[in-house]
Amino acid sequence: MLMFNIEVERKRAELYRNIRAYFDGRGYLEVFTPTLSDSLIPEPTIRNFETEFINEFTGRKKFYLIPSPEIFIKRLIAAGSGNVYEISRCFRNAEQLGDIHNPEFTMLEYYTMDYTEEDSIELTMDMLGKTAIRGCSEIVLNDKVVMTVNEAVYRYSGFDLEKCHTIQAIREMAEKRGHAIPDDESWDDTFNRIFITDVEPNLPKDRPVILKDYPAEIECLAKKNSKYTRARWEMYIAGIEIANCYREETDREAAREYFMKEYDRLKEERERTGDVIPSIDMSFCEIGMKESSGVAIGLDRLLMAEAGIRDIEDTLPFSFKRMIDGKL
């Protein structure tokens, strides 16, 4: 019989209590949004779980387990909610069952009105320090390191992203680094190949690392802060990606262009692979998103970092892998 580590559950409960106290004390509204949605934001890199609602009067309708609560929270913000946060269950299919992945996970999202992504760096570091569990690893509490993505790529891969804004240019640089690049590979796929191989493994592991100013070629709902970069950062702790932040896109036309481009890309890929093609709702682009900065933090990974746990499975008494292996 599997012995559950109840002490880890106590640490999780402590962390969540601390997080709620932190945001409640600053006047943020805690919200509670659905886990099922009939449409999603198109994200080709995230594969989805699909289910079906059955009703004798309305018939059958497809729904999707949310990969994040963003699609609902942004509607609340547009309606005038002000600063908000949510601790929610999220789902991403086809995730590796490795040390840092579980297809079902817990995410903290918080949005601060009239904040930039730079403001959210300071807010997030303050939050981490003031919500840390007792006995928290010093790695989480040490002074942060902040680098641009270009600085990190240059430091650990030896080439300048400023010179690699075309597919041909980044392909040539990648091939010089010894990567075999397929002829039809996209700019962002080649970038991710380089980043995962050369950059991520070499990031400092003794303190939080924030990489900011992501390449504009990587499409997302973050504003551009220059011709070639987006107002986005990601945080790593102990070499593991913990958080992601955008200065949120508020331009309706830019949002519409993103939806159309990324859905076409998603549909083409999924038709080839046979994976779920989720529905999209173009009215999302018209909601009137407010000027704000949003941060998403994987709480299972944060708990790992704070408690000094190396395998995400050890933070989850009912992990997906144990279910598959029949070990519950």
C-alpha atoms as a PDB file:
ATOM      1  CA  MET A   1       0.000   0.000   0.000  1.00  0.00           C
ATOM      2  CA  LEU A   2       1.317   3.463  -0.935  1.00  0.00           C
ATOM      3  CA  MET A   3       2.268   5.620   2.045  1.00  0.00           C
ATOM      4  CA  PHE A   4       1.278   9.243   1.444  1.00  0.00           C
ATOM      5  CA  ASN A   5       3.543  12.025   2.676  1.00  0.00           C
ATOM      6  CA  ILE A   6       1.030  14.003   4.719  1.00  0.00           C
ATOM      7  CA  GLU A   7       3.741  16.457   5.769  1.00  0.00           C
ATOM      8  CA  VAL A   8       4.005  17.655   2.179  1.00  0.00           C
ATOM      9  CA  GLU A   9       0.240  18.248   2.167  1.00  0.00           C
ATOM     10  CA  ARG A  10       0.653  20.367   5.296  1.00  0.00           C
ATOM     11  CA  LYS A  11       3.312  22.416   3.515  1.00  0.00           C
ATOM     12  CA  ARG A  12       1.028  22.865   0.505  1.00  0.00           C
ATOM     13  CA  ALA A  13      -1.830  24.010   2.747  1.00  0.00           C
ATOM     14  CA  GLU A  14       0.517  26.474   4.472  1.00  0.00           C
ATOM     15  CA  LEU A  15       1.715  27.871   1.130  1.00  0.00           C
ATOM     16  CA  TYR A  16      -1.833  28.352  -0.180  1.00  0.00           C
ATOM     17  CA  ARG A  17      -2.957  30.023   3.068  1.00  0.00           C
ATOM     18  CA  ASN A  18      -0.004  32.384   2.864  1.00  0.00           C
ATOM     19  CA  ILE A  19      -0.726  33.243  -0.773  1.00  0.00           C
ATOM     20  CA  ARG A  20      -4.371  33.999  -0.058  1.00  0.00           C
ATOM     21  CA  ALA A  21      -3.439  36.151   2.926  1.00  0.00           C
ATOM     22  CA  TYR A  22      -0.903  38.060   0.826  1.00  0.00           C
ATOM     23  CA  PHE A  23      -3.293  38.968  -1.979  1.00  0.00           C
ATOM     24  CA  ASP A  24      -6.340  39.441   0.263  1.00  0.00           C
ATOM     25  CA  GLY A  25      -4.287  41.843   2.376  1.00  0.00           C
ATOM     26  CA  ARG A  26      -3.568  43.927  -0.721  1.00  0.00           C
ATOM     27  CA  GLY A  27      -7.162  44.166  -1.809  1.00  0.00           C
ATOM     28  CA  TYR A  28      -7.057  41.639  -4.665  1.00  0.00           C
ATOM     29  CA  LEU A  29     -10.312  39.827  -5.398  1.00  0.00           C
ATOM     30  CA  GLU A  30     -10.085  36.036  -5.295  1.00  0.00           C
ATOM     31  CA  VAL A  31     -12.110  34.615  -8.185  1.00  0.00           C
ATOM     32  CA  PHE A  32     -13.384  31.135  -8.974  1.00  0.00           C
ATOM     33  CA  THR A  33     -13.711  30.265 -12.651  1.00  0.00           C
ATOM     34  CA  PRO A  34     -14.792  27.058 -14.457  1.00  0.00           C
ATOM     35  CA  THR A  35     -12.539  24.102 -15.146  1.00  0.00           C
ATOM     36  CA  LEU A  36     -14.473  23.282 -18.340  1.00  0.00           C
ATOM     37  CA  SER A  37     -14.778  25.671 -21.283  1.00  0.00           C
ATOM     38  CA  ASP A  38     -16.472  25.344 -24.656  1.00  0.00           C
ATOM     39  CA  SER A  39     -13.634  27.325 -26.293  1.00  0.00           C
ATOM     40  CA  LEU A  40      -9.951  27.990 -25.640  1.00  0.00           C
ATOM     41  CA  ILE A  41      -7.253  30.491 -26.534  1.00  0.00           C
ATOM     42  CA  PRO A  42      -5.329  28.957 -29.468  1.00  0.00           C
ATOM     43  CA  GLU A  43      -1.929  27.757 -28.231  1.00  0.00           C
ATOM     44  CA  PRO A  44      -0.311  25.300 -30.664  1.00  0.00           C
ATOM     45  CA  THR A  45       2.303  24.157 -28.124  1.00  0.00           C
ATOM     46  CA  ILE A  46      -0.357  23.042 -25.609  1.00  0.00           C
ATOM     47  CA  ARG A  47      -2.392  19.929 -26.346  1.00  0.00           C
ATOM     48  CA  ASN A  48      -5.802  19.677 -24.747  1.00  0.00           C
ATOM     49  CA  PHE A  49      -8.152  17.280 -22.994  1.00  0.00           C
ATOM     50  CA  GLU A  50     -11.591  17.065 -24.617  1.00  0.00           C
ATOM     51  CA  THR A  51     -14.837  15.836 -23.101  1.00  0.00           C
ATOM     52  CA  GLU A  52     -18.541  16.028 -23.991  1.00  0.00           C
ATOM     53  CA  PHE A  53     -21.618  17.407 -22.277  1.00  0.00           C
ATOM     54  CA  ILE A  54     -24.709  15.283 -22.922  1.00  0.00           C
ATOM     55  CA  ASN A  55     -28.242  16.593 -22.407  1.00  0.00           C
ATOM     56  CA  GLU A  56     -31.508  15.143 -23.654  1.00  0.00           C
ATOM     57  CA  PHE A  57     -32.864  18.598 -24.493  1.00  0.00           C
ATOM     58  CA  THR A  58     -29.839  20.548 -25.759  1.00  0.00           C
ATOM     59  CA  GLY A  59     -27.963  17.625 -27.291  1.00  0.00           C
ATOM     60  CA  ARG A  60     -24.210  17.084 -27.164  1.00  0.00           C
ATOM     61  CA  LYS A  61     -21.540  19.766 -26.943  1.00  0.00           C
ATOM     62  CA  LYS A  62     -17.738  19.508 -26.722  1.00  0.00           C
ATOM     63  CA  PHE A  63     -15.925  21.034 -23.778  1.00  0.00           C
ATOM     64  CA  TYR A  64     -12.234  21.263 -22.890  1.00  0.00           C
ATOM     65  CA  LEU A  65     -10.375  21.090 -19.609  1.00  0.00           C
ATOM     66  CA  ILE A  66      -8.695  24.479 -19.260  1.00  0.00           C
ATOM     67  CA  PRO A  67      -4.884  24.726 -19.614  1.00  0.00           C
ATOM     68  CA  SER A  68      -5.127  27.955 -17.561  1.00  0.00           C
ATOM     69  CA  PRO A  69      -7.944  30.152 -16.206  1.00  0.00           C
ATOM     70  CA  GLU A  70      -6.843  33.071 -18.433  1.00  0.00           C
ATOM     71  CA  ILE A  71      -9.799  32.802 -20.807  1.00  0.00           C
ATOM     72  CA  PHE A  72     -12.240  33.465 -17.948  1.00  0.00           C
ATOM     73  CA  ILE A  73     -10.215  35.808 -15.727  1.00  0.00           C
ATOM     74  CA  LYS A  74      -9.642  38.274 -18.563  1.00  0.00           C
ATOM     75  CA  ARG A  75     -13.387  38.571 -19.108  1.00  0.00           C
ATOM     76  CA  LEU A  76     -13.793  39.467 -15.426  1.00  0.00           C
ATOM     77  CA  ILE A  77     -11.044  42.076 -15.719  1.00  0.00           C
ATOM     78  CA  ALA A  78     -12.695  43.577 -18.806  1.00  0.00           C
ATOM     79  CA  ALA A  79     -15.934  43.791 -16.803  1.00  0.00           C
ATOM     80  CA  GLY A  80     -14.185  45.892 -14.145  1.00  0.00           C
ATOM     81  CA  SER A  81     -13.076  43.402 -11.464  1.00  0.00           C
ATOM     82  CA  GLY A  82      -9.848  45.255 -10.698  1.00  0.00           C
ATOM     83  CA  ASN A  83      -6.884  43.331  -9.275  1.00  0.00           C
ATOM     84  CA  VAL A  84      -7.665  39.614  -9.122  1.00  0.00           C
ATOM     85  CA  TYR A  85      -6.108  36.256  -8.340  1.00  0.00           C
ATOM     86  CA  GLU A  86      -7.101  32.602  -8.587  1.00  0.00           C
ATOM     87  CA  ILE A  87      -5.671  29.273  -7.483  1.00  0.00           C
ATOM     88  CA  SER A  88      -7.046  26.806 -10.021  1.00  0.00           C
ATOM     89  CA  ARG A  89      -6.678  23.292 -11.378  1.00  0.00           C
ATOM     90  CA  CYS A  90      -5.309  23.174 -14.932  1.00  0.00           C
ATOM     91  CA  PHE A  91      -4.801  20.427 -17.497  1.00  0.00           C
ATOM     92  CA  ARG A  92      -2.362  19.918 -20.352  1.00  0.00           C
ATOM     93  CA  ASN A  93      -2.372  16.750 -22.405  1.00  0.00           C
ATOM     94  CA  ALA A  94       0.649  14.914 -23.818  1.00  0.00           C
ATOM     95  CA  GLU A  95       2.912  16.210 -21.026  1.00  0.00           C
ATOM     96  CA  GLN A  96       5.936  14.103 -20.228  1.00  0.00           C
ATOM     97  CA  LEU A  97       5.541  12.155 -17.005  1.00  0.00           C
ATOM     98  CA  GLY A  98       8.909  13.332 -15.727  1.00  0.00           C
ATOM     99  CA  ASP A  99      10.353  15.018 -12.656  1.00  0.00           C
ATOM    100  CA  ILE A 100       8.606  18.357 -13.273  1.00  0.00           C
ATOM    101  CA  HIS A 101       5.465  17.440 -15.251  1.00  0.00           C
ATOM    102  CA  ASN A 102       1.999  16.262 -14.283  1.00  0.00           C
ATOM    103  CA  PRO A 103      -0.904  16.629 -16.766  1.00  0.00           C
ATOM    104  CA  GLU A 104      -3.126  17.977 -13.964  1.00  0.00           C
ATOM    105  CA  PHE A 105      -1.551  20.740 -11.907  1.00  0.00           C
ATOM    106  CA  THR A 106      -2.316  23.770  -9.747  1.00  0.00           C
ATOM    107  CA  MET A 107      -1.742  27.277 -11.057  1.00  0.00           C
ATOM    108  CA  LEU A 108      -1.780  30.648  -9.352  1.00  0.00           C
ATOM    109  CA  GLU A 109      -2.693  33.532 -11.660  1.00  0.00           C
ATOM    110  CA  TYR A 110      -2.801  37.160 -10.560  1.00  0.00           C
ATOM    111  CA  TYR A 111      -3.429  40.315 -12.551  1.00  0.00           C
ATOM    112  CA  THR A 112      -2.568  43.836 -11.407  1.00  0.00           C
ATOM    113  CA  MET A 113      -4.200  46.792 -13.113  1.00  0.00           C
ATOM    114  CA  ASP A 114      -1.920  49.455 -14.658  1.00  0.00           C
ATOM    115  CA  TYR A 115       1.189  47.392 -13.877  1.00  0.00           C
ATOM    116  CA  THR A 116       3.930  46.689 -16.383  1.00  0.00           C
ATOM    117  CA  GLU A 117       5.830  43.426 -16.526  1.00  0.00           C
ATOM    118  CA  GLU A 118       8.695  45.181 -14.706  1.00  0.00           C
ATOM    119  CA  ASP A 119       6.344  46.111 -11.851  1.00  0.00           C
ATOM    120  CA  SER A 120       5.281  42.465 -11.635  1.00  0.00           C
ATOM    121  CA  ILE A 121       8.882  41.358 -11.106  1.00  0.00           C
ATOM    122  CA  GLU A 122       9.050  43.308  -7.850  1.00  0.00           C
ATOM    123  CA  LEU A 123       5.545  42.231  -6.801  1.00  0.00           C
ATOM    124  CA  THR A 124       6.360  38.578  -7.440  1.00  0.00           C
ATOM    125  CA  MET A 125       9.643  38.655  -5.548  1.00  0.00           C
ATOM    126  CA  ASP A 126       7.910  40.337  -2.600  1.00  0.00           C
ATOM    127  CA  MET A 127       5.144  37.738  -2.714  1.00  0.00           C
ATOM    128  CA  LEU A 128       7.610  34.834  -2.764  1.00  0.00           C
ATOM    129  CA  GLY A 129       9.454  36.205   0.247  1.00  0.00           C
ATOM    130  CA  LYS A 130       6.328  36.884   2.304  1.00  0.00           C
ATOM    131  CA  THR A 131       4.458  33.658   1.511  1.00  0.00           C
ATOM    132  CA  ALA A 132       7.336  31.180   1.850  1.00  0.00           C
ATOM    133  CA  ILE A 133       6.667  28.096   3.960  1.00  0.00           C
ATOM    134  CA  ARG A 134       8.558  27.514   7.186  1.00  0.00           C
ATOM    135  CA  GLY A 135      11.960  26.029   6.406  1.00  0.00           C
ATOM    136  CA  CYS A 136      11.827  27.320   2.841  1.00  0.00           C
ATOM    137  CA  SER A 137      14.934  26.611   0.767  1.00  0.00           C
ATOM    138  CA  GLU A 138      17.313  29.593   0.570  1.00  0.00           C
ATOM    139  CA  ILE A 139      17.395  29.139  -3.202  1.00  0.00           C
ATOM    140  CA  VAL A 140      13.907  30.677  -3.369  1.00  0.00           C
ATOM    141  CA  LEU A 141      14.779  33.577  -1.056  1.00  0.00           C
ATOM    142  CA  ASN A 142      18.189  34.555  -2.452  1.00  0.00           C
ATOM    143  CA  ASP A 143      18.537  37.752  -4.483  1.00  0.00           C
ATOM    144  CA  LYS A 144      17.237  37.370  -8.027  1.00  0.00           C
ATOM    145  CA  VAL A 145      19.240  37.503 -11.253  1.00  0.00           C
ATOM    146  CA  VAL A 146      17.585  39.387 -14.130  1.00  0.00           C
ATOM    147  CA  MET A 147      18.746  38.955 -17.735  1.00  0.00           C
ATOM    148  CA  THR A 148      17.200  39.623 -21.103  1.00  0.00           C
ATOM    149  CA  VAL A 149      16.639  36.540 -23.226  1.00  0.00           C
ATOM    150  CA  ASN A 150      19.188  37.913 -25.682  1.00  0.00           C
ATOM    151  CA  GLU A 151      21.779  38.240 -22.899  1.00  0.00           C
ATOM    152  CA  ALA A 152      21.130  34.671 -21.748  1.00  0.00           C
ATOM    153  CA  VAL A 153      21.342  33.246 -25.278  1.00  0.00           C
ATOM    154  CA  TYR A 154      24.563  35.145 -25.963  1.00  0.00           C
ATOM    155  CA  ARG A 155      26.092  34.081 -22.636  1.00  0.00           C
ATOM    156  CA  TYR A 156      25.276  30.383 -22.957  1.00  0.00           C
ATOM    157  CA  SER A 157      25.075  29.838 -26.731  1.00  0.00           C
ATOM    158  CA  GLY A 158      27.476  32.468 -28.032  1.00  0.00           C
ATOM    159  CA  PHE A 159      25.318  34.183 -30.649  1.00  0.00           C
ATOM    160  CA  ASP A 160      23.300  37.369 -30.840  1.00  0.00           C
ATOM    161  CA  LEU A 161      19.532  37.052 -31.279  1.00  0.00           C
ATOM    162  CA  GLU A 162      19.489  40.607 -32.614  1.00  0.00           C
ATOM    163  CA  LYS A 163      21.028  39.164 -35.775  1.00  0.00           C
ATOM    164  CA  CYS A 164      18.619  36.229 -36.001  1.00  0.00           C
ATOM    165  CA  HIS A 165      15.205  37.635 -36.795  1.00  0.00           C
ATOM    166  CA  THR A 166      14.708  35.555 -39.945  1.00  0.00           C
ATOM    167  CA  ILE A 167      14.244  31.807 -40.160  1.00  0.00           C
ATOM    168  CA  GLN A 168      17.344  31.497 -42.317  1.00  0.00           C
ATOM    169  CA  ALA A 169      19.525  33.445 -39.879  1.00  0.00           C
ATOM    170  CA  ILE A 170      18.507  31.490 -36.773  1.00  0.00           C
ATOM    171  CA  ARG A 171      18.787  28.202 -38.668  1.00  0.00           C
ATOM    172  CA  GLU A 172      22.359  29.018 -39.702  1.00  0.00           C
ATOM    173  CA  MET A 173      23.271  29.915 -36.118  1.00  0.00           C
ATOM    174  CA  ALA A 174      21.696  26.720 -34.798  1.00  0.00           C
ATOM    175  CA  GLU A 175      23.534  24.593 -37.321  1.00  0.00           C
ATOM    176  CA  LYS A 176      26.808  26.228 -36.284  1.00  0.00           C
ATOM    177  CA  ARG A 177      26.016  25.036 -32.751  1.00  0.00           C
ATOM    178  CA  GLY A 178      25.665  21.481 -34.080  1.00  0.00           C
ATOM    179  CA  HIS A 179      21.872  21.291 -34.213  1.00  0.00           C
ATOM    180  CA  ALA A 180      20.240  19.421 -37.094  1.00  0.00           C
ATOM    181  CA  ILE A 181      17.354  21.652 -38.206  1.00  0.00           C
ATOM    182  CA  PRO A 182      14.489  20.267 -40.360  1.00  0.00           C
ATOM    183  CA  ASP A 183      13.792  22.338 -43.468  1.00  0.00           C
ATOM    184  CA  ASP A 184      10.213  23.126 -42.407  1.00  0.00           C
ATOM    185  CA  GLU A 185      10.964  24.027 -38.768  1.00  0.00           C
ATOM    186  CA  SER A 186       9.547  27.379 -37.608  1.00  0.00           C
ATOM    187  CA  TRP A 187      11.552  30.221 -36.075  1.00  0.00           C
ATOM    188  CA  ASP A 188      10.194  29.622 -32.597  1.00  0.00           C
ATOM    189  CA  ASP A 189      10.733  25.853 -32.760  1.00  0.00           C
ATOM    190  CA  THR A 190      14.376  26.408 -33.688  1.00  0.00           C
ATOM    191  CA  PHE A 191      14.737  28.989 -30.923  1.00  0.00           C
ATOM    192  CA  ASN A 192      13.234  26.557 -28.404  1.00  0.00           C
ATOM    193  CA  ARG A 193      15.606  23.837 -29.570  1.00  0.00           C
ATOM    194  CA  ILE A 194      18.584  26.106 -28.855  1.00  0.00           C
ATOM    195  CA  PHE A 195      17.116  27.453 -25.630  1.00  0.00           C
ATOM    196  CA  ILE A 196      16.283  24.061 -24.114  1.00  0.00           C
ATOM    197  CA  THR A 197      19.629  22.533 -25.096  1.00  0.00           C
ATOM    198  CA  ASP A 198      22.088  25.380 -24.520  1.00  0.00           C
ATOM    199  CA  VAL A 199      20.472  27.930 -22.211  1.00  0.00           C
ATOM    200  CA  GLU A 200      18.117  26.325 -19.689  1.00  0.00           C
ATOM    201  CA  PRO A 201      20.625  23.759 -18.354  1.00  0.00           C
ATOM    202  CA  ASN A 202      23.206  26.489 -17.703  1.00  0.00           C
ATOM    203  CA  LEU A 203      21.059  29.036 -15.860  1.00  0.00           C
ATOM    204  CA  PRO A 204      22.118  29.759 -12.251  1.00  0.00           C
ATOM    205  CA  LYS A 205      20.484  27.300  -9.868  1.00  0.00           C
ATOM    206  CA  ASP A 206      21.246  28.966  -6.534  1.00  0.00           C
ATOM    207  CA  ARG A 207      18.696  31.798  -6.841  1.00  0.00           C
ATOM    208  CA  PRO A 208      15.636  32.893  -8.816  1.00  0.00           C
ATOM    209  CA  VAL A 209      16.477  33.790 -12.426  1.00  0.00           C
ATOM    210  CA  ILE A 210      14.224  36.075 -14.455  1.00  0.00           C
ATOM    211  CA  LEU A 211      14.563  36.168 -18.241  1.00  0.00           C
ATOM    212  CA  LYS A 212      12.787  39.144 -19.769  1.00  0.00           C
ATOM    213  CA  ASP A 213      12.162  40.702 -23.211  1.00  0.00           C
ATOM    214  CA  TYR A 214      11.197  37.518 -25.058  1.00  0.00           C
ATOM    215  CA  PRO A 215      11.602  37.475 -28.857  1.00  0.00           C
ATOM    216  CA  ALA A 216       8.614  38.986 -30.674  1.00  0.00           C
ATOM    217  CA  GLU A 217       8.692  36.035 -33.069  1.00  0.00           C
ATOM    218  CA  ILE A 218       7.234  33.862 -30.269  1.00  0.00           C
ATOM    219  CA  GLU A 219       3.548  34.688 -30.600  1.00  0.00           C
ATOM    220  CA  CYS A 220       1.536  35.305 -27.436  1.00  0.00           C
ATOM    221  CA  LEU A 221      -0.935  37.782 -25.949  1.00  0.00           C
ATOM    222  CA  ALA A 222       1.818  40.023 -24.544  1.00  0.00           C
ATOM    223  CA  LYS A 223       2.373  43.547 -25.838  1.00  0.00           C
ATOM    224  CA  LYS A 224       5.461  44.316 -27.889  1.00  0.00           C
ATOM    225  CA  ASN A 225       7.858  46.565 -25.996  1.00  0.00           C
ATOM    226  CA  SER A 226      10.130  47.023 -29.023  1.00  0.00           C
ATOM    227  CA  LYS A 227      10.194  45.984 -32.661  1.00  0.00           C
ATOM    228  CA  TYR A 228      11.835  42.662 -31.769  1.00  0.00           C
ATOM    229  CA  THR A 229      10.754  41.878 -28.189  1.00  0.00           C
ATOM    230  CA  ARG A 230       7.627  41.337 -26.121  1.00  0.00           C
ATOM    231  CA  ALA A 231       6.842  42.559 -22.607  1.00  0.00           C
ATOM    232  CA  ARG A 232       7.146  39.088 -21.138  1.00  0.00           C
ATOM    233  CA  TRP A 233       9.345  37.339 -18.591  1.00  0.00           C
ATOM    234  CA  GLU A 234       9.784  33.865 -17.187  1.00  0.00           C
ATOM    235  CA  MET A 235      11.216  32.876 -13.819  1.00  0.00           C
ATOM    236  CA  TYR A 236      13.380  29.843 -13.089  1.00  0.00           C
ATOM    237  CA  ILE A 237      14.170  28.484  -9.635  1.00  0.00           C
ATOM    238  CA  ALA A 238      16.719  25.669  -9.264  1.00  0.00           C
ATOM    239  CA  GLY A 239      16.754  25.444 -13.060  1.00  0.00           C
ATOM    240  CA  ILE A 240      12.986  24.826 -13.302  1.00  0.00           C
ATOM    241  CA  GLU A 241      10.542  27.207 -14.973  1.00  0.00           C
ATOM    242  CA  ILE A 242       8.195  28.414 -12.242  1.00  0.00           C
ATOM    243  CA  ALA A 243       6.450  31.554 -13.527  1.00  0.00           C
ATOM    244  CA  ASN A 244       5.434  33.374 -16.699  1.00  0.00           C
ATOM    245  CA  CYS A 245       4.395  37.041 -16.977  1.00  0.00           C
ATOM    246  CA  TYR A 246       2.908  39.278 -19.698  1.00  0.00           C
ATOM    247  CA  ARG A 247       2.085  42.930 -19.942  1.00  0.00           C
ATOM    248  CA  GLU A 248      -1.297  42.058 -21.340  1.00  0.00           C
ATOM    249  CA  GLU A 249      -2.278  42.855 -24.911  1.00  0.00           C
ATOM    250  CA  THR A 250      -5.149  45.361 -24.978  1.00  0.00           C
ATOM    251  CA  ASP A 251      -5.315  46.084 -28.716  1.00  0.00           C
ATOM    252  CA  ARG A 252      -8.308  44.291 -30.213  1.00  0.00           C
ATOM    253  CA  GLU A 253      -6.775  44.057 -33.694  1.00  0.00           C
ATOM    254  CA  ALA A 254      -3.542  42.571 -32.349  1.00  0.00           C
ATOM    255  CA  ALA A 255      -5.540  39.996 -30.358  1.00  0.00           C
ATOM    256  CA  ARG A 256      -7.614  39.134 -33.417  1.00  0.00           C
ATOM    257  CA  GLU A 257      -4.503  38.722 -35.544  1.00  0.00           C
ATOM    258  CA  TYR A 258      -2.991  36.433 -32.896  1.00  0.00           C
ATOM    259  CA  PHE A 259      -6.128  34.274 -32.717  1.00  0.00           C
ATOM    260  CA  MET A 260      -6.363  33.844 -36.484  1.00  0.00           C
ATOM    261  CA  LYS A 261      -2.681  33.143 -37.049  1.00  0.00           C
ATOM    262  CA  GLU A 262      -2.233  30.755 -34.134  1.00  0.00           C
ATOM    263  CA  TYR A 263      -5.489  28.903 -34.768  1.00  0.00           C
ATOM    264  CA  ASP A 264      -4.484  28.277 -38.389  1.00  0.00           C
ATOM    265  CA  ARG A 265      -1.140  26.964 -37.181  1.00  0.00           C
ATOM    266  CA  LEU A 266      -2.780  24.839 -34.462  1.00  0.00           C
ATOM    267  CA  LYS A 267      -5.334  23.397 -36.879  1.00  0.00           C
ATOM    268  CA  GLU A 268      -2.696  22.477 -39.463  1.00  0.00           C
ATOM    269  CA  GLU A 269      -0.560  20.698 -36.865  1.00  0.00           C
ATOM    270  CA  ARG A 270      -3.455  18.891 -35.189  1.00  0.00           C
ATOM    271  CA  GLU A 271      -4.943  17.677 -38.462  1.00  0.00           C
ATOM    272  CA  ARG A 272      -1.594  16.083 -39.198  1.00  0.00           C
ATOM    273  CA  THR A 273      -1.209  14.496 -35.742  1.00  0.00           C
ATOM    274  CA  GLY A 274      -4.869  13.682 -35.045  1.00  0.00           C
ATOM    275  CA  ASP A 275      -4.839  15.608 -31.739  1.00  0.00           C
ATOM    276  CA  VAL A 276      -7.771  17.610 -30.368  1.00  0.00           C
ATOM    277  CA  ILE A 277      -8.590  20.824 -32.242  1.00  0.00           C
ATOM    278  CA  PRO A 278     -10.341  23.027 -29.680  1.00  0.00           C
ATOM    279  CA  SER A 279     -12.990  25.545 -30.642  1.00  0.00           C
ATOM    280  CA  ILE A 280     -12.153  29.244 -30.395  1.00  0.00           C
ATOM    281  CA  ASP A 281     -14.412  32.204 -29.738  1.00  0.00           C
ATOM    282  CA  MET A 282     -13.346  35.310 -31.648  1.00  0.00           C
ATOM    283  CA  SER A 283     -15.512  37.473 -29.378  1.00  0.00           C
ATOM    284  CA  PHE A 284     -12.747  37.081 -26.796  1.00  0.00           C
ATOM    285  CA  CYS A 285     -10.726  39.556 -28.859  1.00  0.00           C
ATOM    286  CA  GLU A 286     -13.415  42.206 -28.351  1.00  0.00           C
ATOM    287  CA  ILE A 287     -13.780  42.070 -24.562  1.00  0.00           C
ATOM    288  CA  GLY A 288     -11.815  45.276 -23.948  1.00  0.00           C
ATOM    289  CA  MET A 289      -8.929  43.985 -21.844  1.00  0.00           C
ATOM    290  CA  LYS A 290      -7.660  46.535 -19.324  1.00  0.00           C
ATOM    291  CA  GLU A 291      -4.053  47.737 -19.042  1.00  0.00           C
ATOM    292  CA  SER A 292      -2.504  45.223 -16.658  1.00  0.00           C
ATOM    293  CA  SER A 293       0.226  42.702 -16.018  1.00  0.00           C
ATOM    294  CA  GLY A 294      -0.595  39.036 -15.421  1.00  0.00           C
ATOM    295  CA  VAL A 295       1.569  36.377 -13.775  1.00  0.00           C
ATOM    296  CA  ALA A 296       1.053  32.609 -13.781  1.00  0.00           C
ATOM    297  CA  ILE A 297       2.931  30.414 -11.280  1.00  0.00           C
ATOM    298  CA  GLY A 298       2.950  26.631 -11.193  1.00  0.00           C
ATOM    299  CA  LEU A 299       2.324  25.964  -7.502  1.00  0.00           C
ATOM    300  CA  ASP A 300       3.367  22.316  -7.538  1.00  0.00           C
ATOM    301  CA  ARG A 301       6.754  23.387  -8.897  1.00  0.00           C
ATOM    302  CA  LEU A 302       6.991  26.256  -6.420  1.00  0.00           C
ATOM    303  CA  LEU A 303       6.273  23.824  -3.585  1.00  0.00           C
ATOM    304  CA  MET A 304       9.043  21.588  -4.929  1.00  0.00           C
ATOM    305  CA  ALA A 305      11.492  24.486  -4.828  1.00  0.00           C
ATOM    306  CA  GLU A 306      10.476  25.698  -1.375  1.00  0.00           C
ATOM    307  CA  ALA A 307      10.470  22.231   0.216  1.00  0.00           C
ATOM    308  CA  GLY A 308      13.617  21.014  -1.569  1.00  0.00           C
ATOM    309  CA  ILE A 309      11.757  18.240  -3.409  1.00  0.00           C
ATOM    310  CA  ARG A 310      13.289  16.993  -6.661  1.00  0.00           C
ATOM    311  CA  ASP A 311      10.382  15.071  -8.199  1.00  0.00           C
ATOM    312  CA  ILE A 312       6.946  16.631  -8.693  1.00  0.00           C
ATOM    313  CA  GLU A 313       5.393  13.237  -8.008  1.00  0.00           C
ATOM    314  CA  ASP A 314       6.532  13.589  -4.392  1.00  0.00           C
ATOM    315  CA  THR A 315       4.316  16.694  -4.024  1.00  0.00           C
ATOM    316  CA  LEU A 316       1.225  14.880  -5.367  1.00  0.00           C
ATOM    317  CA  PRO A 317      -0.340  12.055  -3.335  1.00  0.00           C
ATOM    318  CA  PHE A 318      -2.446  11.090  -6.365  1.00  0.00           C
ATOM    319  CA  SER A 319      -0.123  11.755  -9.281  1.00  0.00           C
ATOM    320  CA  PHE A 320      -1.047  10.946 -12.869  1.00  0.00           C
ATOM    321  CA  LYS A 321       1.887   8.549 -13.155  1.00  0.00           C
ATOM    322  CA  ARG A 322       0.747   6.564 -10.127  1.00  0.00           C
ATOM    323  CA  MET A 323      -2.732   6.305 -11.657  1.00  0.00           C
ATOM    324  CA  ILE A 324      -1.317   5.029 -14.955  1.00  0.00           C
ATOM    325  CA  ASP A 325       0.927   2.555 -13.138  1.00  0.00           C
ATOM    326  CA  GLY A 326      -1.971   1.377 -10.964  1.00  0.00           C
ATOM    327  CA  LYS A 327      -0.122   2.245  -7.752  1.00  0.00           C
ATOM    328  CA  LEU A 328      -2.758   4.235  -5.878  1.00  0.00           C
END
